[in-house]
């Protein structure tokens, strides 16, 4: 997924996505190459995520959970 695509989905500037991805990569949480994102440290990523992550995750599961197969959260 390209930075441009992510920015369109989130409604933010591409430069903001690039900066965030670079920070996460510098912290060893993700690896980002040629439109592919590899999660390296899920617990670390959760630790730096804003407190709204859990709220959004719970709403997503409440609304769409029955339609989407459950994976380890």
N, C-alpha and C. Protein backbone atom coordinates (compact mmCIF):
# COMPACT_ATOMS: atom_id res chain seq x y z
N UNK A 1 0.86 -1.16 0.00
CA UNK A 1 0.00 0.00 0.00
C UNK A 1 0.91 1.23 0.00
N UNK A 2 0.71 2.10 -0.94
CA UNK A 2 1.57 3.28 -1.06
C UNK A 2 1.19 4.35 -0.05
N UNK A 3 2.13 5.27 0.18
CA UNK A 3 1.85 6.40 1.08
C UNK A 3 0.69 7.22 0.55
N UNK A 4 0.61 7.36 -0.76
CA UNK A 4 -0.48 8.11 -1.37
C UNK A 4 -1.83 7.46 -1.09
N UNK A 5 -1.89 6.15 -1.22
CA UNK A 5 -3.13 5.42 -0.96
C UNK A 5 -3.54 5.54 0.52
N UNK A 6 -2.57 5.36 1.41
CA UNK A 6 -2.86 5.49 2.84
C UNK A 6 -3.37 6.89 3.15
N UNK A 7 -2.73 7.90 2.57
CA UNK A 7 -3.15 9.28 2.84
C UNK A 7 -4.57 9.53 2.35
N UNK A 8 -4.93 8.96 1.22
CA UNK A 8 -6.29 9.11 0.71
C UNK A 8 -7.31 8.44 1.62
N UNK A 9 -6.99 7.25 2.12
CA UNK A 9 -7.89 6.53 3.01
C UNK A 9 -8.09 7.29 4.32
N UNK A 10 -6.98 7.84 4.84
CA UNK A 10 -7.04 8.53 6.13
C UNK A 10 -7.44 10.00 6.02
N UNK A 11 -7.39 10.55 4.81
CA UNK A 11 -7.73 11.96 4.63
C UNK A 11 -6.66 12.89 5.17
N UNK A 12 -5.40 12.49 5.02
CA UNK A 12 -4.28 13.31 5.47
C UNK A 12 -3.31 13.51 4.31
N UNK A 13 -2.32 14.38 4.52
CA UNK A 13 -1.32 14.62 3.48
C UNK A 13 -0.38 13.43 3.37
N UNK A 14 0.08 13.15 2.16
CA UNK A 14 1.01 12.05 1.93
C UNK A 14 2.29 12.25 2.73
N UNK A 15 2.72 13.48 2.84
CA UNK A 15 3.94 13.79 3.59
C UNK A 15 3.81 13.36 5.05
N UNK A 16 2.60 13.49 5.61
CA UNK A 16 2.37 13.08 7.00
C UNK A 16 2.50 11.56 7.14
N UNK A 17 1.99 10.85 6.17
CA UNK A 17 2.10 9.39 6.17
C UNK A 17 3.56 8.98 6.05
N UNK A 18 4.29 9.64 5.17
CA UNK A 18 5.71 9.32 4.99
C UNK A 18 6.49 9.56 6.28
N UNK A 19 6.20 10.67 6.95
CA UNK A 19 6.89 11.00 8.20
C UNK A 19 6.57 9.97 9.28
N UNK A 20 5.30 9.61 9.41
CA UNK A 20 4.88 8.63 10.42
C UNK A 20 5.50 7.27 10.14
N UNK A 21 5.49 6.85 8.88
CA UNK A 21 6.07 5.55 8.51
C UNK A 21 7.57 5.54 8.80
N UNK A 22 8.24 6.65 8.52
CA UNK A 22 9.68 6.73 8.79
C UNK A 22 9.95 6.63 10.29
N UNK A 23 9.15 7.29 11.10
CA UNK A 23 9.32 7.21 12.56
C UNK A 23 9.12 5.78 13.06
N UNK A 24 8.06 5.15 12.59
CA UNK A 24 7.78 3.78 13.02
C UNK A 24 8.88 2.82 12.57
N UNK A 25 9.41 3.06 11.39
CA UNK A 25 10.49 2.22 10.89
C UNK A 25 11.77 2.47 11.69
N UNK A 26 12.06 3.74 12.00
CA UNK A 26 13.24 4.07 12.80
C UNK A 26 13.19 3.44 14.19
N UNK A 27 11.98 3.28 14.71
CA UNK A 27 11.80 2.67 16.03
C UNK A 27 11.80 1.14 15.97
N UNK A 28 11.91 0.59 14.76
CA UNK A 28 11.96 -0.86 14.59
C UNK A 28 10.61 -1.54 14.72
N UNK A 29 9.53 -0.77 14.53
CA UNK A 29 8.19 -1.32 14.69
C UNK A 29 7.63 -1.88 13.39
N UNK A 30 8.00 -1.26 12.27
CA UNK A 30 7.56 -1.73 10.96
C UNK A 30 8.75 -1.72 10.00
N UNK A 31 8.57 -2.40 8.89
CA UNK A 31 9.50 -2.32 7.77
C UNK A 31 8.65 -1.92 6.57
N UNK A 32 9.05 -0.85 5.91
CA UNK A 32 8.25 -0.34 4.80
C UNK A 32 9.12 -0.27 3.55
N UNK A 33 8.78 -1.07 2.55
CA UNK A 33 9.52 -1.05 1.29
C UNK A 33 8.57 -1.22 0.11
N UNK A 34 8.71 -0.36 -0.85
CA UNK A 34 7.97 -0.46 -2.12
C UNK A 34 6.50 -0.81 -1.96
N UNK A 35 5.82 -0.07 -1.12
CA UNK A 35 4.38 -0.26 -0.95
C UNK A 35 3.98 -1.42 -0.08
N UNK A 36 4.94 -2.06 0.58
CA UNK A 36 4.63 -3.19 1.46
C UNK A 36 5.02 -2.82 2.88
N UNK A 37 4.11 -3.09 3.81
CA UNK A 37 4.36 -2.82 5.22
C UNK A 37 4.45 -4.15 5.94
N UNK A 38 5.57 -4.34 6.64
CA UNK A 38 5.75 -5.55 7.44
C UNK A 38 5.76 -5.14 8.91
N UNK A 39 4.90 -5.74 9.68
CA UNK A 39 4.81 -5.48 11.11
C UNK A 39 5.91 -6.27 11.81
N UNK A 40 6.81 -5.56 12.49
CA UNK A 40 7.94 -6.21 13.15
C UNK A 40 7.72 -6.37 14.66
N UNK A 41 7.01 -5.42 15.27
CA UNK A 41 6.83 -5.44 16.72
C UNK A 41 5.43 -4.95 17.06
N UNK A 42 4.48 -5.88 17.10
CA UNK A 42 3.07 -5.52 17.33
C UNK A 42 2.87 -4.88 18.69
N UNK A 43 3.47 -5.46 19.72
CA UNK A 43 3.32 -4.91 21.07
C UNK A 43 3.89 -3.51 21.15
N UNK A 44 5.02 -3.30 20.52
CA UNK A 44 5.63 -1.97 20.50
C UNK A 44 4.77 -0.98 19.75
N UNK A 45 4.17 -1.41 18.66
CA UNK A 45 3.30 -0.54 17.89
C UNK A 45 2.06 -0.17 18.69
N UNK A 46 1.49 -1.13 19.39
CA UNK A 46 0.35 -0.84 20.25
C UNK A 46 0.72 0.13 21.36
N UNK A 47 1.94 0.02 21.86
CA UNK A 47 2.39 0.90 22.95
C UNK A 47 2.49 2.35 22.50
N UNK A 48 2.81 2.59 21.24
CA UNK A 48 2.95 3.97 20.76
C UNK A 48 1.66 4.50 20.11
N UNK A 49 0.67 3.63 19.95
CA UNK A 49 -0.60 4.05 19.34
C UNK A 49 -1.38 4.93 20.33
N UNK A 50 -2.20 5.81 19.78
CA UNK A 50 -3.00 6.66 20.66
C UNK A 50 -4.06 5.83 21.36
N UNK A 51 -4.61 6.40 22.44
CA UNK A 51 -5.60 5.68 23.22
C UNK A 51 -6.88 5.39 22.43
N UNK A 52 -7.08 6.09 21.32
CA UNK A 52 -8.28 5.87 20.52
C UNK A 52 -8.24 4.54 19.76
N UNK A 53 -7.05 3.93 19.65
CA UNK A 53 -6.94 2.67 18.91
C UNK A 53 -7.91 1.63 19.46
N UNK A 54 -7.94 1.47 20.77
CA UNK A 54 -8.79 0.46 21.39
C UNK A 54 -10.27 0.76 21.14
N UNK A 55 -10.65 2.04 21.18
CA UNK A 55 -12.04 2.42 20.93
C UNK A 55 -12.43 2.09 19.49
N UNK A 56 -11.57 2.45 18.54
CA UNK A 56 -11.85 2.18 17.13
C UNK A 56 -11.90 0.68 16.88
N UNK A 57 -10.96 -0.06 17.46
CA UNK A 57 -10.92 -1.53 17.30
C UNK A 57 -12.20 -2.16 17.81
N UNK A 58 -12.65 -1.73 18.98
CA UNK A 58 -13.87 -2.29 19.56
C UNK A 58 -15.10 -1.98 18.71
N UNK A 59 -15.20 -0.78 18.19
CA UNK A 59 -16.33 -0.40 17.33
C UNK A 59 -16.30 -1.21 16.03
N UNK A 60 -15.12 -1.35 15.46
CA UNK A 60 -14.95 -2.12 14.23
C UNK A 60 -15.44 -3.56 14.45
N UNK A 61 -14.99 -4.15 15.55
CA UNK A 61 -15.40 -5.53 15.84
C UNK A 61 -16.89 -5.63 16.12
N UNK A 62 -17.44 -4.64 16.81
CA UNK A 62 -18.87 -4.65 17.13
C UNK A 62 -19.71 -4.56 15.85
N UNK A 63 -19.30 -3.70 14.94
CA UNK A 63 -20.09 -3.47 13.74
C UNK A 63 -19.82 -4.51 12.66
N UNK A 64 -18.56 -4.84 12.42
CA UNK A 64 -18.21 -5.71 11.30
C UNK A 64 -17.72 -7.09 11.68
N UNK A 65 -17.54 -7.31 12.98
CA UNK A 65 -16.96 -8.57 13.44
C UNK A 65 -17.65 -9.82 12.94
N UNK A 66 -18.95 -9.78 12.85
CA UNK A 66 -19.67 -10.98 12.42
C UNK A 66 -19.49 -11.27 10.93
N UNK A 67 -19.01 -10.28 10.17
CA UNK A 67 -18.80 -10.46 8.74
C UNK A 67 -17.37 -10.79 8.36
N UNK A 68 -16.46 -10.55 9.30
CA UNK A 68 -15.04 -10.72 9.01
C UNK A 68 -14.48 -11.77 9.95
N UNK A 69 -13.68 -12.68 9.41
CA UNK A 69 -13.09 -13.73 10.24
C UNK A 69 -12.20 -13.09 11.29
N UNK A 70 -12.26 -13.62 12.48
CA UNK A 70 -11.50 -13.08 13.61
C UNK A 70 -10.06 -13.62 13.55
N UNK A 71 -9.12 -12.69 13.71
CA UNK A 71 -7.70 -13.04 13.79
C UNK A 71 -7.22 -12.65 15.16
N UNK A 72 -6.07 -13.16 15.53
CA UNK A 72 -5.48 -12.81 16.82
C UNK A 72 -5.31 -11.30 16.91
N UNK A 73 -5.93 -10.69 17.91
CA UNK A 73 -5.88 -9.24 18.07
C UNK A 73 -4.80 -8.80 18.99
